[in-house]
Amino acid sequence: MLFPRAVRSYEAHEKGAAVITVDGLVSVPSLGLTYLAGSRGGSRPVTWAHACDLPDPWRWFKAGDLVMTTGGGLPTGSPEQELWITRLIDSRVSALVVAPEAGAPEVTPELLDAADSRNFPVLSASFDLQFVTLARTVIESAVEAERERLATIKRLYDVYWQSLRARGTFDTRISALEGSIGWALEVRDLDVGEMLAQGRQAARRRSAHPEGPDAEGTQVPIPGVGNVALVAYPGRRPVQDRPLLQHLGGLIALELEHHAAQRDHLRASGEDLLLGLLDDTIDLSAVWPELRHRGMAGAVVVACWKASNDAPLHHENVHHDVRLQDCAPLLAYRSPMLLGVVPDDGELLASLSTKLAEHCAVGLSTPLAASTQVSEAARQAQLAVARAHEAGTSLVRYGNDQRDSGFLPRSLEDTRQLVRRILGPLITYDRAHDGDLITSLRTFLANDGGWQRSSDDLGIHRQTLVYRLRKVEQLTGLKPTSTRGSAMLWLALQATDSAQLSLDDLMT
């Protein structure tokens, strides 16, 4: 008997490349199968079928097999049958079909209760059923499922290749796979619990379950790229085909390996650049565009990582850390310390310390400008990491651990006078015109006079920022781009911050 076309099409449509389930076999009228127990386990897939009347069938079958018996191997007593079915269930077969011959032991209620408690399907069949017919049904299902799986794999490779050619993001490619396979997909780094990529369906699911991965996820390791896994959740189809999911993991592994090779190349070229910066043979201004290309368009600093006992750092693969997936810093190891030109993100840089060594701390320089001498910034970072070890803390910024050096006003009245004298005209103008001169000035000075970075942070055109700072100069007589002007204006703003009062309060 051929596997019914209606059942085949149902399985292919609803479950992709999944093989027939126990419920699927029961739904074939000509087989005449009925449940004796374990109907709640009817969704179990059946990958193969064997007939066996031996007393120890669990020794001869694999997970997913359907066991067919005429009852010849069943023990006669109730306790023995309960132990027999328990051992069969533990072998992870899919179901048991009993078509009793004359004289075979009757199936006891104890056997059925044990199967029911484990949701293990036990099916009844007429002795007239030819087991070869049932086996052929299962085998044709397995062949059809493998044919469907191969077609699906080819389609997935085509979809992924087209997405790669479109030069979209990693998330975009995962979304394309979701659309083709019908599952919600995530790629996760299990060491740090971070998401590497997720499709749109997975993102929607995550927003609905913000507490973290749920029990419905099916996880397979992605080979060759560290402790990374592909997690699939039910979408418009249930996740029942683990081999297909493993194929997806292999497909994604190719891209991750390609990314890893690119990051190795960026690490090597970045080390050459940093060594030139540290030796003063390369100016930072010449490297500034490269920093943007490496994902460091914001503020950057020199970082120095060092263990308290000068132990070697495990730095060889730090550039592959998932927390650095959005940037490629310049890194150079000069034993016993690791130096880097990195994003000014203290939380990120401190978290990397734990991966480098036990009792490792990080020191940060002041933020870099295009004209900064990197060798001097590196000395600042080394002093800062030494101070971190002295203080028993994980991170110190150069200068931030020092007490007030005395250049700020020491009384509230002195602060008010300084603010009124220097910033008063700006505060008055902003009040009258609902302006943003103070905010624009503060942002410009915080970015060390960087025009484009400041205008980006403010969300305005660069020429608008030029106009505002000219207005600052007209009102105060201090030019924000000059040494004296920027120093005086910065001092007034620092005094305001130190007093922990608003500008309006200081003007009263």
Protein backbone atom coordinates (compact mmCIF):
# COMPACT_ATOMS: atom_id res chain seq x y z
CA MET A 1 0.00 0.00 0.00
CA LEU A 2 1.39 3.41 -0.93
CA PHE A 3 1.54 6.23 1.55
CA PRO A 4 -1.72 8.21 1.01
CA ARG A 5 -1.20 11.40 -0.97
CA ALA A 6 -3.51 13.35 1.36
CA VAL A 7 -1.37 12.52 4.38
CA ARG A 8 1.87 13.28 2.50
CA SER A 9 0.68 16.69 1.38
CA TYR A 10 -0.59 17.51 4.87
CA GLU A 11 2.74 16.66 6.45
CA ALA A 12 4.77 18.53 3.82
CA HIS A 13 2.62 21.64 4.13
CA GLU A 14 2.29 21.77 7.91
CA LYS A 15 5.69 20.45 9.04
CA GLY A 16 8.10 21.12 6.23
CA ALA A 17 10.42 18.13 6.00
CA ALA A 18 9.04 16.39 9.14
CA VAL A 19 8.24 12.67 8.89
CA ILE A 20 4.86 11.18 9.73
CA THR A 21 3.73 11.24 13.36
CA VAL A 22 1.93 8.64 15.43
CA ASP A 23 -1.28 10.65 14.96
CA GLY A 24 -0.62 10.61 11.22
CA LEU A 25 -0.50 6.80 11.21
CA VAL A 26 -3.68 6.55 13.26
CA SER A 27 -5.40 8.83 10.74
CA VAL A 28 -4.77 6.36 7.86
CA PRO A 29 -8.07 4.36 7.80
CA SER A 30 -6.72 1.29 6.08
CA LEU A 31 -4.20 0.63 8.87
CA GLY A 32 -6.94 0.31 11.50
CA LEU A 33 -4.80 1.62 14.37
CA THR A 34 -6.39 2.79 17.62
CA TYR A 35 -4.94 4.14 20.85
CA LEU A 36 -4.77 1.91 23.90
CA ALA A 37 -2.74 4.49 25.85
CA GLY A 38 -0.55 7.58 25.45
CA SER A 39 -2.67 9.52 22.97
CA ARG A 40 -1.14 12.76 24.33
CA GLY A 41 2.11 11.63 22.72
CA GLY A 42 0.58 11.41 19.27
CA SER A 43 2.77 14.21 17.88
CA ARG A 44 5.89 12.06 18.15
CA PRO A 45 7.57 11.66 14.73
CA VAL A 46 8.11 8.12 13.45
CA THR A 47 11.35 7.74 11.50
CA TRP A 48 11.36 3.96 10.87
CA ALA A 49 9.40 0.80 11.70
CA HIS A 50 10.46 -2.70 12.79
CA ALA A 51 8.68 -5.87 13.86
CA CYS A 52 10.07 -7.63 16.91
CA ASP A 53 8.78 -10.41 19.21
CA LEU A 54 11.96 -10.69 21.27
CA PRO A 55 11.67 -10.21 25.05
CA ASP A 56 14.16 -7.28 25.01
CA PRO A 57 13.26 -5.08 22.00
CA TRP A 58 14.94 -1.98 23.52
CA ARG A 59 18.30 -3.52 22.64
CA TRP A 60 17.56 -3.48 18.90
CA PHE A 61 15.91 -0.14 18.17
CA LYS A 62 16.89 3.52 17.87
CA ALA A 63 15.17 6.70 18.93
CA GLY A 64 12.20 7.47 16.69
CA ASP A 65 11.56 3.84 15.65
CA LEU A 66 8.08 2.33 15.68
CA VAL A 67 8.04 -1.08 17.43
CA MET A 68 5.54 -3.61 16.04
CA THR A 69 4.85 -6.84 17.94
CA THR A 70 2.40 -9.75 17.92
CA GLY A 71 2.89 -10.00 21.68
CA GLY A 72 5.17 -13.02 21.61
CA GLY A 73 7.88 -11.26 23.63
CA LEU A 74 5.60 -9.76 26.26
CA PRO A 75 5.97 -11.11 29.81
CA THR A 76 2.84 -12.50 31.40
CA GLY A 77 2.75 -10.86 34.83
CA SER A 78 1.59 -7.28 35.51
CA PRO A 79 4.77 -6.11 37.32
CA GLU A 80 6.93 -7.62 34.60
CA GLN A 81 4.91 -5.93 31.85
CA GLU A 82 5.17 -2.57 33.66
CA LEU A 83 8.97 -2.93 33.85
CA TRP A 84 9.06 -4.09 30.19
CA ILE A 85 7.20 -1.03 28.87
CA THR A 86 9.28 1.30 31.07
CA ARG A 87 12.51 -0.01 29.57
CA LEU A 88 11.05 0.29 26.07
CA ILE A 89 10.01 3.92 26.72
CA ASP A 90 13.48 4.74 28.06
CA SER A 91 15.00 3.59 24.74
CA ARG A 92 13.24 6.65 23.17
CA VAL A 93 11.32 4.74 20.52
CA SER A 94 8.25 6.54 19.21
CA ALA A 95 5.44 4.08 19.86
CA LEU A 96 4.40 0.45 20.27
CA VAL A 97 1.92 -1.31 17.97
CA VAL A 98 0.41 -4.52 19.35
CA ALA A 99 -1.34 -6.90 16.92
CA PRO A 100 -1.76 -9.91 19.24
CA GLU A 101 -1.58 -13.42 17.86
CA ALA A 102 -3.53 -16.26 19.37
CA GLY A 103 -2.03 -17.33 22.69
CA ALA A 104 -0.04 -14.13 23.25
CA PRO A 105 -0.17 -12.58 26.75
CA GLU A 106 -2.84 -9.97 27.18
CA VAL A 107 -1.74 -6.39 27.59
CA THR A 108 -2.28 -5.56 31.27
CA PRO A 109 -3.79 -2.33 32.68
CA GLU A 110 -0.51 -1.74 34.54
CA LEU A 111 1.39 -1.62 31.23
CA LEU A 112 -1.14 0.82 29.79
CA ASP A 113 -1.11 3.02 32.93
CA ALA A 114 2.69 3.21 32.83
CA ALA A 115 2.60 4.19 29.14
CA ASP A 116 -0.15 6.75 29.73
CA SER A 117 1.78 8.40 32.57
CA ARG A 118 4.74 8.92 30.20
CA ASN A 119 2.58 9.99 27.20
CA PHE A 120 3.94 6.99 25.31
CA PRO A 121 1.60 5.81 22.51
CA VAL A 122 0.53 2.18 22.63
CA LEU A 123 -1.58 1.28 19.58
CA SER A 124 -3.86 -1.65 18.96
CA ALA A 125 -4.00 -3.32 15.56
CA SER A 126 -5.72 -6.37 14.14
CA PHE A 127 -3.55 -9.47 13.77
CA ASP A 128 -4.66 -9.43 10.13
CA LEU A 129 -2.63 -6.23 9.59
CA GLN A 130 0.48 -7.02 7.61
CA PHE A 131 3.36 -5.32 9.36
CA VAL A 132 5.04 -4.82 6.00
CA THR A 133 2.16 -2.53 5.00
CA LEU A 134 2.59 -0.42 8.13
CA ALA A 135 6.37 -0.38 7.67
CA ARG A 136 6.00 0.68 4.04
CA THR A 137 3.80 3.58 5.13
CA VAL A 138 6.46 4.76 7.59
CA ILE A 139 9.33 4.23 5.14
CA GLU A 140 7.60 6.11 2.33
CA SER A 141 6.98 8.93 4.79
CA ALA A 142 10.68 9.00 5.69
CA VAL A 143 11.70 9.01 2.01
CA GLU A 144 9.21 11.77 1.24
CA ALA A 145 10.44 13.75 4.25
CA GLU A 146 14.05 13.45 3.12
CA ARG A 147 13.08 14.57 -0.39
CA GLU A 148 11.27 17.55 1.11
CA ARG A 149 14.24 18.30 3.35
CA LEU A 150 16.66 18.34 0.42
CA ALA A 151 14.37 20.67 -1.52
CA THR A 152 14.05 22.92 1.52
CA ILE A 153 17.81 22.99 2.07
CA LYS A 154 18.37 24.01 -1.55
CA ARG A 155 15.76 26.74 -1.20
CA LEU A 156 17.37 27.99 2.02
CA TYR A 157 20.80 28.16 0.40
CA ASP A 158 19.34 30.10 -2.51
CA VAL A 159 17.58 32.52 -0.17
CA TYR A 160 20.72 33.02 1.91
CA TRP A 161 22.91 33.56 -1.14
CA GLN A 162 20.51 36.15 -2.54
CA SER A 163 20.49 37.93 0.83
CA LEU A 164 24.29 37.95 0.91
CA ARG A 165 24.42 39.43 -2.57
CA ALA A 166 21.99 42.14 -1.48
CA ARG A 167 24.57 43.15 1.19
CA GLY A 168 21.98 43.38 3.94
CA THR A 169 22.67 42.97 7.64
CA PHE A 170 23.06 39.67 9.47
CA ASP A 171 19.59 40.23 10.97
CA THR A 172 18.17 40.71 7.46
CA ARG A 173 19.58 37.37 6.33
CA ILE A 174 18.19 35.60 9.39
CA SER A 175 14.80 37.18 8.62
CA ALA A 176 15.01 35.83 5.06
CA LEU A 177 15.58 32.33 6.44
CA GLU A 178 12.62 32.78 8.79
CA GLY A 179 10.37 33.61 5.86
CA SER A 180 11.47 30.50 4.02
CA ILE A 181 11.44 27.99 6.88
CA GLY A 182 8.52 29.26 8.98
CA TRP A 183 10.42 29.36 12.29
CA ALA A 184 11.55 32.28 14.45
CA LEU A 185 15.36 32.25 14.56
CA GLU A 186 18.05 33.64 16.88
CA VAL A 187 21.83 33.28 16.90
CA ARG A 188 23.14 33.49 20.47
CA ASP A 189 26.58 33.54 22.11
CA LEU A 190 26.08 31.22 25.07
CA ASP A 191 29.26 32.29 26.90
CA VAL A 192 28.06 35.84 27.50
CA GLY A 193 24.35 35.32 26.89
CA GLU A 194 24.28 37.92 24.11
CA MET A 195 22.32 37.96 20.87
CA LEU A 196 24.44 37.89 17.70
CA ALA A 197 21.49 38.14 15.32
CA GLN A 198 17.76 37.60 15.21
CA GLY A 199 15.07 37.62 12.58
CA ARG A 200 11.99 39.81 12.62
CA GLN A 201 9.77 36.99 13.92
CA ALA A 202 12.20 36.32 16.77
CA ALA A 203 12.39 40.04 17.59
CA ARG A 204 8.59 40.21 17.85
CA ARG A 205 8.62 37.12 20.02
CA ARG A 206 11.35 38.57 22.23
CA SER A 207 9.37 41.78 22.75
CA ALA A 208 6.45 39.64 23.90
CA HIS A 209 8.73 37.56 26.19
CA PRO A 210 11.35 40.04 27.46
CA GLU A 211 12.30 37.79 30.38
CA GLY A 212 14.57 35.70 28.14
CA PRO A 213 14.63 32.47 26.08
CA ASP A 214 11.60 30.29 26.74
CA ALA A 215 11.21 26.54 26.88
CA GLU A 216 9.75 26.27 23.37
CA GLY A 217 13.10 27.03 21.75
CA THR A 218 15.01 24.23 20.01
CA GLN A 219 18.75 24.81 20.14
CA VAL A 220 21.59 23.39 18.05
CA PRO A 221 25.29 24.32 18.26
CA ILE A 222 26.82 26.22 15.35
CA PRO A 223 30.06 24.43 14.49
CA GLY A 224 33.48 26.06 14.47
CA VAL A 225 32.70 29.46 15.96
CA GLY A 226 32.99 29.06 19.73
CA ASN A 227 30.05 28.49 22.02
CA VAL A 228 27.41 29.84 19.64
CA ALA A 229 23.99 28.31 19.07
CA LEU A 230 21.09 28.65 16.66
CA VAL A 231 17.73 28.73 18.48
CA ALA A 232 14.47 28.13 16.64
CA TYR A 233 10.98 28.86 17.96
CA PRO A 234 7.66 27.81 16.44
CA GLY A 235 6.38 30.30 13.90
CA ARG A 236 3.83 29.39 11.29
CA ARG A 237 5.27 25.86 11.58
CA PRO A 238 6.35 23.82 14.63
CA VAL A 239 10.06 23.05 15.02
CA GLN A 240 10.08 19.28 14.50
CA ASP A 241 12.95 18.70 12.08
CA ARG A 242 16.20 18.89 14.05
CA PRO A 243 18.39 17.70 11.13
CA LEU A 244 17.07 20.60 9.04
CA LEU A 245 17.85 22.99 11.91
CA GLN A 246 21.39 21.58 12.00
CA HIS A 247 21.71 22.31 8.28
CA LEU A 248 20.72 25.89 9.01
CA GLY A 249 23.37 26.04 11.72
CA GLY A 250 25.99 24.87 9.24
CA LEU A 251 24.88 27.50 6.74
CA ILE A 252 25.16 30.27 9.34
CA ALA A 253 28.54 28.88 10.46
CA LEU A 254 29.96 29.70 7.03
CA GLU A 255 29.11 33.37 7.46
CA LEU A 256 30.37 33.48 11.06
CA GLU A 257 33.66 31.91 9.98
CA HIS A 258 33.92 34.52 7.23
CA HIS A 259 33.29 37.27 9.78
CA ALA A 260 35.90 35.73 12.07
CA ALA A 261 38.49 35.77 9.28
CA GLN A 262 37.67 39.42 8.58
CA ARG A 263 38.06 40.31 12.25
CA ASP A 264 41.42 38.51 12.36
CA HIS A 265 42.54 40.65 9.42
CA LEU A 266 41.28 43.83 11.11
CA ARG A 267 43.07 42.84 14.33
CA ALA A 268 46.38 42.41 12.49
CA SER A 269 46.11 45.63 10.48
CA GLY A 270 44.89 47.51 13.55
CA GLU A 271 47.91 46.40 15.53
CA ASP A 272 50.24 47.80 12.85
CA LEU A 273 48.41 51.14 12.98
CA LEU A 274 48.48 51.32 16.78
CA LEU A 275 52.18 50.51 16.99
CA GLY A 276 52.85 53.33 14.53
CA LEU A 277 50.72 55.69 16.65
CA LEU A 278 52.52 54.67 19.83
CA ASP A 279 55.93 55.17 18.20
CA ASP A 280 54.83 58.59 16.87
CA THR A 281 55.56 57.51 13.29
CA ILE A 282 51.84 57.90 12.37
CA ASP A 283 49.65 60.88 13.25
CA LEU A 284 46.22 60.17 14.68
CA SER A 285 44.70 62.62 12.20
CA ALA A 286 45.75 60.27 9.39
CA VAL A 287 44.02 57.34 11.10
CA TRP A 288 40.85 59.18 12.10
CA PRO A 289 38.85 58.12 8.99
CA GLU A 290 39.92 54.51 9.60
CA LEU A 291 38.45 54.66 13.11
CA ARG A 292 35.07 55.62 11.65
CA HIS A 293 35.37 52.77 9.14
CA ARG A 294 35.94 50.41 12.09
CA GLY A 295 32.72 51.49 13.80
CA MET A 296 34.25 54.06 16.16
CA ALA A 297 32.53 57.23 15.01
CA GLY A 298 31.91 58.47 18.56
CA ALA A 299 34.33 59.37 21.33
CA VAL A 300 37.44 57.18 21.57
CA VAL A 301 40.11 56.72 24.25
CA VAL A 302 43.30 54.77 24.76
CA ALA A 303 42.69 51.81 27.09
CA CYS A 304 45.30 49.81 28.99
CA TRP A 305 44.39 46.40 30.44
CA LYS A 306 46.73 44.83 32.98
CA ALA A 307 46.50 42.12 35.64
CA SER A 308 47.46 43.05 39.19
CA ASN A 309 50.23 40.43 39.31
CA ASP A 310 51.45 41.13 35.75
CA ALA A 311 50.04 37.76 34.68
CA PRO A 312 49.80 37.19 30.92
CA LEU A 313 46.51 38.28 29.37
CA HIS A 314 44.37 35.92 27.29
CA HIS A 315 44.08 38.50 24.54
CA GLU A 316 44.39 36.35 21.42
CA ASN A 317 40.66 36.10 20.75
CA VAL A 318 39.35 39.16 22.56
CA HIS A 319 38.57 40.84 19.21
CA HIS A 320 36.01 38.07 18.55
CA ASP A 321 34.05 38.92 21.70
CA VAL A 322 30.38 39.45 20.91
CA ARG A 323 30.49 42.76 22.78
CA LEU A 324 32.84 44.08 20.08
CA GLN A 325 30.74 42.91 17.12
CA ASP A 326 29.84 46.50 16.18
CA CYS A 327 33.40 47.82 16.12
CA ALA A 328 36.98 46.73 15.43
CA PRO A 329 39.32 48.55 17.87
CA LEU A 330 43.05 48.97 17.39
CA LEU A 331 44.73 46.50 19.77
CA ALA A 332 48.38 45.74 20.52
CA TYR A 333 49.77 43.45 23.23
CA ARG A 334 52.90 44.69 24.94
CA SER A 335 53.43 42.20 27.75
CA PRO A 336 52.13 42.38 30.41
CA MET A 337 49.52 44.84 29.13
CA LEU A 338 47.07 45.17 26.26
CA LEU A 339 46.75 48.63 24.74
CA GLY A 340 43.92 49.73 22.49
CA VAL A 341 42.28 52.67 20.79
CA VAL A 342 38.71 51.84 21.69
CA PRO A 343 35.21 53.34 22.01
CA ASP A 344 34.78 55.44 25.16
CA ASP A 345 32.45 52.92 26.81
CA GLY A 346 33.54 52.17 30.36
CA GLU A 347 31.02 49.38 30.94
CA LEU A 348 32.10 47.57 27.78
CA LEU A 349 35.82 47.94 28.48
CA ALA A 350 35.51 46.81 32.10
CA SER A 351 33.50 43.75 31.03
CA LEU A 352 36.32 42.70 28.69
CA SER A 353 38.73 42.68 31.65
CA THR A 354 37.08 39.56 33.06
CA LYS A 355 37.79 37.71 29.81
CA LEU A 356 41.45 38.74 29.72
CA ALA A 357 42.61 37.60 33.16
CA GLU A 358 41.68 37.27 36.79
CA HIS A 359 42.17 40.52 38.73
CA CYS A 360 42.53 42.45 35.47
CA ALA A 361 41.71 46.16 35.47
CA VAL A 362 41.54 48.79 32.74
CA GLY A 363 42.74 52.38 32.70
CA LEU A 364 41.42 54.97 30.25
CA SER A 365 42.99 58.11 28.87
CA THR A 366 41.18 61.36 28.33
CA PRO A 367 39.09 61.32 25.10
CA LEU A 368 41.17 61.58 21.94
CA ALA A 369 41.01 64.35 19.36
CA ALA A 370 42.49 64.20 15.87
CA SER A 371 45.49 66.19 17.11
CA THR A 372 46.14 64.02 20.19
CA GLN A 373 49.52 62.38 20.61
CA VAL A 374 48.60 58.74 21.18
CA SER A 375 51.85 57.94 22.99
CA GLU A 376 50.94 60.51 25.65
CA ALA A 377 47.38 59.15 25.88
CA ALA A 378 48.84 55.66 26.36
CA ARG A 379 50.91 56.95 29.30
CA GLN A 380 47.72 58.37 30.78
CA ALA A 381 46.01 54.98 30.43
CA GLN A 382 48.94 53.18 32.07
CA LEU A 383 48.89 55.59 35.02
CA ALA A 384 45.14 55.08 35.30
CA VAL A 385 45.35 51.26 35.37
CA ALA A 386 48.06 51.46 38.04
CA ARG A 387 45.72 53.67 40.06
CA ALA A 388 42.90 51.14 39.51
CA HIS A 389 45.00 48.36 41.04
CA GLU A 390 45.96 50.60 43.96
CA ALA A 391 42.31 51.44 44.59
CA GLY A 392 41.14 47.85 44.07
CA THR A 393 38.68 48.86 41.35
CA SER A 394 38.12 47.52 37.84
CA LEU A 395 38.32 50.84 35.94
CA VAL A 396 39.84 54.30 36.39
CA ARG A 397 39.75 57.23 33.99
CA TYR A 398 42.82 59.39 33.93
CA GLY A 399 42.22 62.50 36.05
CA ASN A 400 38.88 61.34 37.46
CA ASP A 401 40.47 59.80 40.53
CA GLN A 402 42.14 63.11 41.49
CA ARG A 403 40.62 65.53 43.99
CA ASP A 404 39.61 69.03 42.94
CA SER A 405 42.84 70.79 41.99
CA GLY A 406 41.53 74.16 43.20
CA PHE A 407 40.81 75.91 39.91
CA LEU A 408 37.03 75.92 40.45
CA PRO A 409 35.26 78.50 42.64
CA ARG A 410 35.05 77.35 46.24
CA SER A 411 31.86 79.14 47.28
CA LEU A 412 28.37 79.29 45.86
CA GLU A 413 28.57 83.06 45.57
CA ASP A 414 31.85 82.87 43.64
CA THR A 415 30.23 80.36 41.30
CA ARG A 416 27.23 82.64 40.75
CA GLN A 417 29.49 85.56 39.91
CA LEU A 418 31.52 83.48 37.44
CA VAL A 419 28.39 82.16 35.73
CA ARG A 420 26.76 85.58 35.49
CA ARG A 421 29.91 87.16 34.09
CA ILE A 422 30.70 84.54 31.46
CA LEU A 423 27.47 82.69 30.72
CA GLY A 424 24.94 85.34 31.74
CA PRO A 425 24.43 86.81 28.24
CA LEU A 426 23.88 83.32 26.82
CA ILE A 427 21.37 82.38 29.50
CA THR A 428 19.47 85.63 28.91
CA TYR A 429 19.46 85.09 25.15
CA ASP A 430 18.27 81.49 25.44
CA ARG A 431 15.43 82.60 27.76
CA ALA A 432 14.28 85.33 25.40
CA HIS A 433 14.55 83.36 22.16
CA ASP A 434 13.96 79.80 23.38
CA GLY A 435 17.45 79.14 22.09
CA ASP A 436 20.04 76.38 22.50
CA LEU A 437 23.29 78.32 22.77
CA ILE A 438 24.28 76.80 26.14
CA THR A 439 23.46 73.27 25.00
CA SER A 440 25.33 73.75 21.72
CA LEU A 441 28.35 75.20 23.53
CA ARG A 442 28.43 72.38 26.09
CA THR A 443 28.24 69.73 23.36
CA PHE A 444 30.94 71.42 21.28
CA LEU A 445 33.37 71.60 24.23
CA ALA A 446 32.56 68.04 25.33
CA ASN A 447 33.55 66.84 21.85
CA ASP A 448 36.87 68.70 22.02
CA GLY A 449 35.83 71.13 19.30
CA GLY A 450 34.72 68.45 16.84
CA TRP A 451 32.29 70.17 14.48
CA GLN A 452 30.74 67.16 12.79
CA ARG A 453 30.51 65.03 15.92
CA SER A 454 28.91 67.91 17.82
CA SER A 455 26.37 68.69 15.10
CA ASP A 456 25.53 64.98 14.87
CA ASP A 457 24.99 64.79 18.64
CA LEU A 458 22.77 67.89 18.51
CA GLY A 459 20.88 66.66 15.45
CA ILE A 460 21.51 69.89 13.52
CA HIS A 461 23.35 70.90 10.39
CA ARG A 462 26.99 71.80 10.86
CA GLN A 463 26.38 75.32 9.52
CA THR A 464 23.69 75.84 12.17
CA LEU A 465 26.26 74.99 14.84
CA VAL A 466 28.72 77.49 13.26
CA TYR A 467 26.03 80.19 13.46
CA ARG A 468 25.27 79.41 17.11
CA LEU A 469 28.91 79.55 18.20
CA ARG A 470 29.40 82.84 16.36
CA LYS A 471 26.44 84.10 18.39
CA VAL A 472 28.19 82.86 21.55
CA GLU A 473 31.28 84.86 20.58
CA GLN A 474 29.22 87.99 19.90
CA LEU A 475 27.45 87.80 23.25
CA THR A 476 30.38 86.85 25.49
CA GLY A 477 33.41 88.18 23.66
CA LEU A 478 34.93 84.71 23.99
CA LYS A 479 35.67 82.60 20.92
CA PRO A 480 34.80 78.94 21.64
CA THR A 481 37.39 77.71 19.13
CA SER A 482 40.27 79.61 20.75
CA THR A 483 42.34 78.32 23.67
CA ARG A 484 41.39 81.18 25.99
CA GLY A 485 37.73 81.23 24.97
CA SER A 486 37.18 77.49 25.26
CA ALA A 487 39.01 77.41 28.62
CA MET A 488 36.94 80.22 30.13
CA LEU A 489 33.65 78.88 28.84
CA TRP A 490 34.49 75.33 29.94
CA LEU A 491 35.50 76.59 33.39
CA ALA A 492 32.14 78.32 33.82
CA LEU A 493 30.25 75.20 32.77
CA GLN A 494 32.35 73.02 35.09
CA ALA A 495 31.67 75.37 37.96
CA THR A 496 27.95 75.09 37.23
CA ASP A 497 28.10 71.29 37.27
CA SER A 498 30.15 71.30 40.48
CA ALA A 499 27.57 73.50 42.25
CA GLN A 500 24.82 71.02 41.24
CA LEU A 501 22.43 73.90 40.55
CA SER A 502 20.61 74.88 37.37
CA LEU A 503 21.73 77.91 35.35
CA ASP A 504 18.51 79.67 36.30
CA ASP A 505 19.25 79.12 40.01
CA LEU A 506 22.74 80.52 39.61
CA MET A 507 21.40 83.62 37.85
CA THR A 508 19.07 84.49 40.76
